[in-house]
Amino acid sequence: MTKKKITFLQVDNTRIPNPAKTIEWVCDQISSITFSNLILLPELWICGAFSFDKESVLFKHESLLTELIELLKNKCDEAHLGSYVVNDKGVLKNRSYFINNKTGQIYKYDKRRLFGFGTGESELFDAGVASCVTEGNFQRHALTTCFDLRFPEIFSENRKLGATSFICAAGWPLSRIGHWKALSIARAIENQAYFIGCNASGVSGDSVLGGNSIVVNPNGEVLFLADSKPGVYHQQIEFEQVSNWRKAFPIHEDY
């Protein structure tokens, strides 16, 4: 089997509200990478998942995306650039971007399940309505974001659309990190797919973010689990395990 290198940038949200320092750290880390097949950033890594409001979050991310795409051009095959607050025709979205350097394709995904129970993110943003499955170089990645993880129907839908791995950008708190681990394993087992989650670290608002970026194989085995500290982490994956396991144990053939 061919091994692919995955790189997680587990960003420290404690640097916020100084986005320039956070951006500098991310760009420095990317520059130091020799090469990785897939590079990942977490959810709302500029403004923080628990420290946003309308005034603070509308960072002009377009020029940053251009800079990141150029910086990543010779550093990876593919990259998930994390998520950003986007003003889409007067409506705010929590939007992720994914690039394929071999094809030049840029994918966008708007978070479908918003956290907050009527306040916070669910009050500020409009939810996305569509799945996004990439045409990858070595897998078809379904893009998901944080709270989406609690809704198995999103992952089942993505599997039916051809996804063989799930990428989840998150700002998941340390207080519920046990749920993060358990649900990551469940989504991988249910769909016989890789789960690749990149979580933020540090402090956002009143919440301590949990880190613990994770890789789970299609049989539910945790291949990699970061600690809670900010930093850069690497893991190698054999993506062929997906097709092999689905052929050996074809649980979805009957429905």
C-alpha atoms as a PDB file:
ATOM      1  CA  MET A   1       0.000   0.000   0.000  1.00  0.00           C
ATOM      2  CA  THR A   2       1.064   3.576  -0.706  1.00  0.00           C
ATOM      3  CA  LYS A   3       1.429   5.817   2.333  1.00  0.00           C
ATOM      4  CA  LYS A   4       0.310   9.447   2.179  1.00  0.00           C
ATOM      5  CA  LYS A   5       1.554  12.073   4.607  1.00  0.00           C
ATOM      6  CA  ILE A   6      -1.043  14.164   6.428  1.00  0.00           C
ATOM      7  CA  THR A   7      -0.055  17.384   8.248  1.00  0.00           C
ATOM      8  CA  PHE A   8      -2.203  19.069  10.907  1.00  0.00           C
ATOM      9  CA  LEU A   9      -1.713  22.706  11.888  1.00  0.00           C
ATOM     10  CA  GLN A  10      -3.297  22.728  15.348  1.00  0.00           C
ATOM     11  CA  VAL A  11      -3.587  26.502  15.656  1.00  0.00           C
ATOM     12  CA  ASP A  12      -3.412  28.277  19.024  1.00  0.00           C
ATOM     13  CA  ASN A  13      -6.515  30.492  19.250  1.00  0.00           C
ATOM     14  CA  THR A  14      -5.095  32.207  22.349  1.00  0.00           C
ATOM     15  CA  ARG A  15      -3.261  34.591  19.992  1.00  0.00           C
ATOM     16  CA  ILE A  16      -6.605  36.047  18.997  1.00  0.00           C
ATOM     17  CA  PRO A  17      -7.636  38.942  18.899  1.00  0.00           C
ATOM     18  CA  ASN A  18      -4.333  39.547  17.127  1.00  0.00           C
ATOM     19  CA  PRO A  19      -4.958  37.751  13.818  1.00  0.00           C
ATOM     20  CA  ALA A  20      -1.672  38.985  12.350  1.00  0.00           C
ATOM     21  CA  LYS A  21       0.276  36.853  14.854  1.00  0.00           C
ATOM     22  CA  THR A  22      -1.861  33.798  14.117  1.00  0.00           C
ATOM     23  CA  ILE A  23      -1.488  34.257  10.370  1.00  0.00           C
ATOM     24  CA  GLU A  24       2.260  34.744  10.736  1.00  0.00           C
ATOM     25  CA  TRP A  25       2.535  31.491  12.700  1.00  0.00           C
ATOM     26  CA  VAL A  26       0.505  29.551  10.119  1.00  0.00           C
ATOM     27  CA  CYS A  27       2.511  30.927   7.195  1.00  0.00           C
ATOM     28  CA  ASP A  28       5.804  30.179   8.976  1.00  0.00           C
ATOM     29  CA  GLN A  29       4.743  26.591   9.643  1.00  0.00           C
ATOM     30  CA  ILE A  30       3.659  26.033   6.044  1.00  0.00           C
ATOM     31  CA  SER A  31       6.941  27.492   4.801  1.00  0.00           C
ATOM     32  CA  SER A  32       8.883  25.051   6.976  1.00  0.00           C
ATOM     33  CA  ILE A  33       7.114  21.986   5.533  1.00  0.00           C
ATOM     34  CA  THR A  34       9.174  20.174   2.922  1.00  0.00           C
ATOM     35  CA  PHE A  35       6.189  18.345   1.440  1.00  0.00           C
ATOM     36  CA  SER A  36       2.974  16.724   2.638  1.00  0.00           C
ATOM     37  CA  ASN A  37       0.251  15.074   0.588  1.00  0.00           C
ATOM     38  CA  LEU A  38      -2.500  16.773   2.599  1.00  0.00           C
ATOM     39  CA  ILE A  39      -2.268  19.824   4.884  1.00  0.00           C
ATOM     40  CA  LEU A  40      -5.099  20.790   7.249  1.00  0.00           C
ATOM     41  CA  LEU A  41      -6.173  23.877   9.202  1.00  0.00           C
ATOM     42  CA  PRO A  42      -9.010  24.072  11.800  1.00  0.00           C
ATOM     43  CA  GLU A  43     -12.324  25.903  11.922  1.00  0.00           C
ATOM     44  CA  LEU A  44     -12.408  29.716  12.244  1.00  0.00           C
ATOM     45  CA  TRP A  45      -8.709  29.750  13.070  1.00  0.00           C
ATOM     46  CA  ILE A  46      -8.406  33.505  12.577  1.00  0.00           C
ATOM     47  CA  CYS A  47     -11.246  34.705  14.825  1.00  0.00           C
ATOM     48  CA  GLY A  48     -11.760  31.661  17.079  1.00  0.00           C
ATOM     49  CA  ALA A  49     -14.794  29.391  17.326  1.00  0.00           C
ATOM     50  CA  PHE A  50     -16.047  30.911  20.600  1.00  0.00           C
ATOM     51  CA  SER A  51     -14.921  34.534  20.404  1.00  0.00           C
ATOM     52  CA  PHE A  52     -16.617  36.016  17.372  1.00  0.00           C
ATOM     53  CA  ASP A  53     -19.151  38.782  16.794  1.00  0.00           C
ATOM     54  CA  LYS A  54     -20.224  40.628  13.652  1.00  0.00           C
ATOM     55  CA  GLU A  55     -17.610  43.330  14.028  1.00  0.00           C
ATOM     56  CA  SER A  56     -14.614  41.136  14.838  1.00  0.00           C
ATOM     57  CA  VAL A  57     -15.069  38.246  12.454  1.00  0.00           C
ATOM     58  CA  LEU A  58     -15.313  39.942   9.085  1.00  0.00           C
ATOM     59  CA  PHE A  59     -11.604  39.752   8.475  1.00  0.00           C
ATOM     60  CA  LYS A  60     -10.850  40.377   4.812  1.00  0.00           C
ATOM     61  CA  HIS A  61      -9.867  36.790   4.139  1.00  0.00           C
ATOM     62  CA  GLU A  62      -9.746  36.953   0.339  1.00  0.00           C
ATOM     63  CA  SER A  63      -6.183  38.273   0.137  1.00  0.00           C
ATOM     64  CA  LEU A  64      -5.108  35.771   2.809  1.00  0.00           C
ATOM     65  CA  LEU A  65      -6.585  32.876   0.813  1.00  0.00           C
ATOM     66  CA  THR A  66      -4.658  34.021  -2.236  1.00  0.00           C
ATOM     67  CA  GLU A  67      -1.476  34.152  -0.155  1.00  0.00           C
ATOM     68  CA  LEU A  68      -2.084  30.710   1.358  1.00  0.00           C
ATOM     69  CA  ILE A  69      -2.860  29.115  -2.004  1.00  0.00           C
ATOM     70  CA  GLU A  70       0.375  30.494  -3.433  1.00  0.00           C
ATOM     71  CA  LEU A  71       2.350  29.421  -0.364  1.00  0.00           C
ATOM     72  CA  LEU A  72       0.912  25.891  -0.519  1.00  0.00           C
ATOM     73  CA  LYS A  73       1.498  25.437  -4.240  1.00  0.00           C
ATOM     74  CA  ASN A  74       4.722  23.449  -3.870  1.00  0.00           C
ATOM     75  CA  LYS A  75       4.093  22.162  -0.348  1.00  0.00           C
ATOM     76  CA  CYS A  76       1.287  19.639  -0.885  1.00  0.00           C
ATOM     77  CA  ASP A  77      -1.009  17.820  -3.268  1.00  0.00           C
ATOM     78  CA  GLU A  78      -4.106  19.018  -1.423  1.00  0.00           C
ATOM     79  CA  ALA A  79      -4.969  21.313   1.471  1.00  0.00           C
ATOM     80  CA  HIS A  80      -7.938  22.152   3.636  1.00  0.00           C
ATOM     81  CA  LEU A  81      -7.529  25.837   4.447  1.00  0.00           C
ATOM     82  CA  GLY A  82      -9.834  25.765   7.456  1.00  0.00           C
ATOM     83  CA  SER A  83     -12.968  27.902   7.708  1.00  0.00           C
ATOM     84  CA  TYR A  84     -13.652  31.641   7.609  1.00  0.00           C
ATOM     85  CA  VAL A  85     -16.561  34.001   8.135  1.00  0.00           C
ATOM     86  CA  VAL A  86     -17.771  34.999   4.689  1.00  0.00           C
ATOM     87  CA  ASN A  87     -20.288  37.689   3.751  1.00  0.00           C
ATOM     88  CA  ASP A  88     -22.136  36.076   0.855  1.00  0.00           C
ATOM     89  CA  LYS A  89     -24.498  38.691  -0.606  1.00  0.00           C
ATOM     90  CA  GLY A  90     -25.314  40.071   2.839  1.00  0.00           C
ATOM     91  CA  VAL A  91     -25.575  36.656   4.499  1.00  0.00           C
ATOM     92  CA  LEU A  92     -22.826  35.407   6.832  1.00  0.00           C
ATOM     93  CA  LYS A  93     -21.546  31.853   6.338  1.00  0.00           C
ATOM     94  CA  ASN A  94     -18.983  29.673   8.110  1.00  0.00           C
ATOM     95  CA  ARG A  95     -17.179  28.628   4.928  1.00  0.00           C
ATOM     96  CA  SER A  96     -14.335  26.174   4.391  1.00  0.00           C
ATOM     97  CA  TYR A  97     -11.981  26.035   1.417  1.00  0.00           C
ATOM     98  CA  PHE A  98     -10.165  23.035  -0.020  1.00  0.00           C
ATOM     99  CA  ILE A  99      -7.605  23.127  -2.830  1.00  0.00           C
ATOM    100  CA  ASN A 100      -6.266  20.475  -5.179  1.00  0.00           C
ATOM    101  CA  ASN A 101      -2.885  21.622  -6.444  1.00  0.00           C
ATOM    102  CA  LYS A 102      -2.745  19.055  -9.246  1.00  0.00           C
ATOM    103  CA  THR A 103      -6.015  20.119 -10.858  1.00  0.00           C
ATOM    104  CA  GLY A 104      -6.180  23.719  -9.640  1.00  0.00           C
ATOM    105  CA  GLN A 105      -9.681  23.085  -8.309  1.00  0.00           C
ATOM    106  CA  ILE A 106     -10.912  25.103  -5.309  1.00  0.00           C
ATOM    107  CA  TYR A 107     -13.831  23.675  -3.326  1.00  0.00           C
ATOM    108  CA  LYS A 108     -16.099  25.565  -0.917  1.00  0.00           C
ATOM    109  CA  TYR A 109     -18.251  24.175   1.862  1.00  0.00           C
ATOM    110  CA  ASP A 110     -20.661  26.084   4.126  1.00  0.00           C
ATOM    111  CA  LYS A 111     -21.164  24.516   7.566  1.00  0.00           C
ATOM    112  CA  ARG A 112     -24.574  22.850   7.690  1.00  0.00           C
ATOM    113  CA  ARG A 113     -25.152  22.443  11.436  1.00  0.00           C
ATOM    114  CA  LEU A 114     -24.598  25.613  13.440  1.00  0.00           C
ATOM    115  CA  PHE A 115     -23.769  25.519  17.145  1.00  0.00           C
ATOM    116  CA  GLY A 116     -25.348  27.712  19.776  1.00  0.00           C
ATOM    117  CA  PHE A 117     -28.946  26.664  20.497  1.00  0.00           C
ATOM    118  CA  GLY A 118     -30.358  29.967  19.243  1.00  0.00           C
ATOM    119  CA  THR A 119     -27.374  32.110  20.216  1.00  0.00           C
ATOM    120  CA  GLY A 120     -23.768  32.533  19.060  1.00  0.00           C
ATOM    121  CA  GLU A 121     -22.998  30.883  15.744  1.00  0.00           C
ATOM    122  CA  SER A 122     -26.592  29.813  15.063  1.00  0.00           C
ATOM    123  CA  GLU A 123     -27.741  33.405  15.594  1.00  0.00           C
ATOM    124  CA  LEU A 124     -24.991  35.010  13.500  1.00  0.00           C
ATOM    125  CA  PHE A 125     -24.663  32.675  10.503  1.00  0.00           C
ATOM    126  CA  ASP A 126     -26.905  31.077   7.923  1.00  0.00           C
ATOM    127  CA  ALA A 127     -26.451  27.329   7.573  1.00  0.00           C
ATOM    128  CA  GLY A 128     -25.190  25.715   4.405  1.00  0.00           C
ATOM    129  CA  VAL A 129     -27.502  23.388   2.507  1.00  0.00           C
ATOM    130  CA  ALA A 130     -25.212  21.278   0.322  1.00  0.00           C
ATOM    131  CA  SER A 131     -22.580  18.600   0.768  1.00  0.00           C
ATOM    132  CA  CYS A 132     -19.151  18.943  -0.801  1.00  0.00           C
ATOM    133  CA  VAL A 133     -17.171  15.903  -1.936  1.00  0.00           C
ATOM    134  CA  THR A 134     -13.865  16.603  -3.643  1.00  0.00           C
ATOM    135  CA  GLU A 135     -12.348  14.791  -6.589  1.00  0.00           C
ATOM    136  CA  GLY A 136      -9.095  14.014  -4.823  1.00  0.00           C
ATOM    137  CA  ASN A 137      -5.738  12.808  -6.062  1.00  0.00           C
ATOM    138  CA  PHE A 138      -5.916   9.691  -3.894  1.00  0.00           C
ATOM    139  CA  GLN A 139      -9.348   9.843  -2.186  1.00  0.00           C
ATOM    140  CA  ARG A 140     -12.705  11.572  -2.464  1.00  0.00           C
ATOM    141  CA  HIS A 141     -12.827  13.782   0.610  1.00  0.00           C
ATOM    142  CA  ALA A 142     -16.130  14.979   2.104  1.00  0.00           C
ATOM    143  CA  LEU A 143     -15.769  18.364   3.796  1.00  0.00           C
ATOM    144  CA  THR A 144     -17.431  18.810   7.190  1.00  0.00           C
ATOM    145  CA  THR A 145     -17.123  21.326  10.013  1.00  0.00           C
ATOM    146  CA  CYS A 146     -17.150  20.785  13.795  1.00  0.00           C
ATOM    147  CA  PHE A 147     -20.808  20.506  14.981  1.00  0.00           C
ATOM    148  CA  ASP A 148     -21.647  18.594  11.768  1.00  0.00           C
ATOM    149  CA  LEU A 149     -19.922  15.660  13.479  1.00  0.00           C
ATOM    150  CA  ARG A 150     -22.939  15.105  15.743  1.00  0.00           C
ATOM    151  CA  PHE A 151     -25.241  14.450  12.767  1.00  0.00           C
ATOM    152  CA  PRO A 152     -24.599  11.030  11.188  1.00  0.00           C
ATOM    153  CA  GLU A 153     -27.006  11.659   8.307  1.00  0.00           C
ATOM    154  CA  ILE A 154     -24.580  14.235   6.852  1.00  0.00           C
ATOM    155  CA  PHE A 155     -21.822  11.626   6.737  1.00  0.00           C
ATOM    156  CA  SER A 156     -24.095   8.934   5.317  1.00  0.00           C
ATOM    157  CA  GLU A 157     -25.178  11.332   2.581  1.00  0.00           C
ATOM    158  CA  ASN A 158     -21.548  12.086   1.761  1.00  0.00           C
ATOM    159  CA  ARG A 159     -20.698   8.384   1.585  1.00  0.00           C
ATOM    160  CA  LYS A 160     -23.543   7.871  -0.893  1.00  0.00           C
ATOM    161  CA  LEU A 161     -22.045  10.722  -2.939  1.00  0.00           C
ATOM    162  CA  GLY A 162     -18.813   8.730  -3.175  1.00  0.00           C
ATOM    163  CA  ALA A 163     -16.803   9.968  -0.199  1.00  0.00           C
ATOM    164  CA  THR A 164     -14.042   7.658   0.987  1.00  0.00           C
ATOM    165  CA  SER A 165     -12.747   9.993   3.692  1.00  0.00           C
ATOM    166  CA  PHE A 166     -14.190  12.739   5.864  1.00  0.00           C
ATOM    167  CA  ILE A 167     -12.227  15.889   6.642  1.00  0.00           C
ATOM    168  CA  CYS A 168     -13.508  17.834   9.627  1.00  0.00           C
ATOM    169  CA  ALA A 169     -12.207  21.306  10.537  1.00  0.00           C
ATOM    170  CA  ALA A 170     -13.142  22.028  14.133  1.00  0.00           C
ATOM    171  CA  GLY A 171     -13.054  24.363  17.102  1.00  0.00           C
ATOM    172  CA  TRP A 172     -14.093  21.670  19.590  1.00  0.00           C
ATOM    173  CA  PRO A 173     -13.787  22.459  23.338  1.00  0.00           C
ATOM    174  CA  LEU A 174     -11.661  20.431  25.723  1.00  0.00           C
ATOM    175  CA  SER A 175     -14.661  19.931  28.031  1.00  0.00           C
ATOM    176  CA  ARG A 176     -16.316  17.730  25.374  1.00  0.00           C
ATOM    177  CA  ILE A 177     -13.213  16.186  23.816  1.00  0.00           C
ATOM    178  CA  GLY A 178     -14.445  12.719  24.753  1.00  0.00           C
ATOM    179  CA  HIS A 179     -17.389  13.258  22.403  1.00  0.00           C
ATOM    180  CA  TRP A 180     -14.997  14.381  19.653  1.00  0.00           C
ATOM    181  CA  LYS A 181     -13.075  11.117  19.902  1.00  0.00           C
ATOM    182  CA  ALA A 182     -16.125   8.866  20.189  1.00  0.00           C
ATOM    183  CA  LEU A 183     -18.029  10.484  17.328  1.00  0.00           C
ATOM    184  CA  SER A 184     -14.962  10.478  15.067  1.00  0.00           C
ATOM    185  CA  ILE A 185     -14.665   6.725  15.557  1.00  0.00           C
ATOM    186  CA  ALA A 186     -18.405   6.218  15.028  1.00  0.00           C
ATOM    187  CA  ARG A 187     -18.499   8.172  11.752  1.00  0.00           C
ATOM    188  CA  ALA A 188     -15.532   6.162  10.424  1.00  0.00           C
ATOM    189  CA  ILE A 189     -17.057   2.795  11.373  1.00  0.00           C
ATOM    190  CA  GLU A 190     -20.557   3.618  10.091  1.00  0.00           C
ATOM    191  CA  ASN A 191     -19.298   4.656   6.681  1.00  0.00           C
ATOM    192  CA  GLN A 192     -16.172   2.499   6.340  1.00  0.00           C
ATOM    193  CA  ALA A 193     -14.185   5.626   5.621  1.00  0.00           C
ATOM    194  CA  TYR A 194     -11.246   7.526   7.037  1.00  0.00           C
ATOM    195  CA  PHE A 195     -12.060  10.308   9.479  1.00  0.00           C
ATOM    196  CA  ILE A 196      -9.452  13.079   9.511  1.00  0.00           C
ATOM    197  CA  GLY A 197     -10.162  15.836  12.019  1.00  0.00           C
ATOM    198  CA  CYS A 198      -8.132  18.989  12.600  1.00  0.00           C
ATOM    199  CA  ASN A 199      -9.085  20.791  15.806  1.00  0.00           C
ATOM    200  CA  ALA A 200      -7.904  24.140  17.161  1.00  0.00           C
ATOM    201  CA  SER A 201      -6.110  24.576  20.479  1.00  0.00           C
ATOM    202  CA  GLY A 202      -5.652  27.285  23.082  1.00  0.00           C
ATOM    203  CA  VAL A 203      -8.375  29.582  24.470  1.00  0.00           C
ATOM    204  CA  SER A 204     -11.264  31.098  22.500  1.00  0.00           C
ATOM    205  CA  GLY A 205     -13.592  33.375  24.448  1.00  0.00           C
ATOM    206  CA  ASP A 206     -14.407  31.517  27.650  1.00  0.00           C
ATOM    207  CA  SER A 207     -13.672  28.094  26.161  1.00  0.00           C
ATOM    208  CA  VAL A 208     -10.492  26.056  26.209  1.00  0.00           C
ATOM    209  CA  LEU A 209     -10.207  24.299  22.861  1.00  0.00           C
ATOM    210  CA  GLY A 210      -9.254  20.660  22.937  1.00  0.00           C
ATOM    211  CA  GLY A 211      -6.772  20.012  20.148  1.00  0.00           C
ATOM    212  CA  ASN A 212      -6.609  16.218  19.820  1.00  0.00           C
ATOM    213  CA  SER A 213      -6.578  16.290  16.026  1.00  0.00           C
ATOM    214  CA  ILE A 214      -7.321  12.744  14.957  1.00  0.00           C
ATOM    215  CA  VAL A 215      -7.108  10.091  12.255  1.00  0.00           C
ATOM    216  CA  VAL A 216      -9.430   7.073  12.387  1.00  0.00           C
ATOM    217  CA  ASN A 217      -9.230   4.305   9.790  1.00  0.00           C
ATOM    218  CA  PRO A 218     -12.321   2.718   8.164  1.00  0.00           C
ATOM    219  CA  ASN A 219     -12.310  -0.078  10.727  1.00  0.00           C
ATOM    220  CA  GLY A 220     -12.574   2.414  13.605  1.00  0.00           C
ATOM    221  CA  GLU A 221      -8.964   2.202  14.767  1.00  0.00           C
ATOM    222  CA  VAL A 222      -7.425   5.466  15.970  1.00  0.00           C
ATOM    223  CA  LEU A 223      -4.170   5.740  14.015  1.00  0.00           C
ATOM    224  CA  PHE A 224      -3.227   9.154  15.340  1.00  0.00           C
ATOM    225  CA  LEU A 225      -4.314  11.420  18.178  1.00  0.00           C
ATOM    226  CA  ALA A 226      -2.562  14.702  18.930  1.00  0.00           C
ATOM    227  CA  ASP A 227      -2.409  16.133  22.419  1.00  0.00           C
ATOM    228  CA  SER A 228      -4.176  19.356  23.395  1.00  0.00           C
ATOM    229  CA  LYS A 229      -1.202  21.629  22.736  1.00  0.00           C
ATOM    230  CA  PRO A 230      -0.841  23.855  19.665  1.00  0.00           C
ATOM    231  CA  GLY A 231       1.665  22.691  17.100  1.00  0.00           C
ATOM    232  CA  VAL A 232       2.276  20.864  13.845  1.00  0.00           C
ATOM    233  CA  TYR A 233       1.563  17.134  13.704  1.00  0.00           C
ATOM    234  CA  HIS A 234       2.112  14.516  11.017  1.00  0.00           C
ATOM    235  CA  GLN A 235       0.659  11.093  10.258  1.00  0.00           C
ATOM    236  CA  GLN A 236       0.934   8.658   7.357  1.00  0.00           C
ATOM    237  CA  ILE A 237      -2.173   6.976   5.963  1.00  0.00           C
ATOM    238  CA  GLU A 238      -2.759   4.072   3.608  1.00  0.00           C
ATOM    239  CA  PHE A 239      -5.915   5.193   1.830  1.00  0.00           C
ATOM    240  CA  GLU A 240      -6.287   1.850   0.036  1.00  0.00           C
ATOM    241  CA  GLN A 241      -7.633   0.488   3.328  1.00  0.00           C
ATOM    242  CA  VAL A 242     -11.026   1.981   2.454  1.00  0.00           C
ATOM    243  CA  SER A 243     -11.651  -0.054  -0.698  1.00  0.00           C
ATOM    244  CA  ASN A 244     -10.102  -3.163   0.855  1.00  0.00           C
ATOM    245  CA  TRP A 245     -12.319  -3.019   3.940  1.00  0.00           C
ATOM    246  CA  ARG A 246     -15.473  -2.225   1.969  1.00  0.00           C
ATOM    247  CA  LYS A 247     -14.847  -5.253  -0.256  1.00  0.00           C
ATOM    248  CA  ALA A 248     -14.069  -7.531   2.700  1.00  0.00           C
ATOM    249  CA  PHE A 249     -17.064  -6.398   4.779  1.00  0.00           C
ATOM    250  CA  PRO A 250     -19.662  -4.864   2.376  1.00  0.00           C
ATOM    251  CA  ILE A 251     -22.178  -3.633   4.956  1.00  0.00           C
ATOM    252  CA  HIS A 252     -23.736  -1.015   2.661  1.00  0.00           C
ATOM    253  CA  GLU A 253     -24.576  -3.291  -0.260  1.00  0.00           C
ATOM    254  CA  ASP A 254     -28.028  -4.174   1.103  1.00  0.00           C
ATOM    255  CA  TYR A 255     -29.323  -0.616   1.451  1.00  0.00           C
END
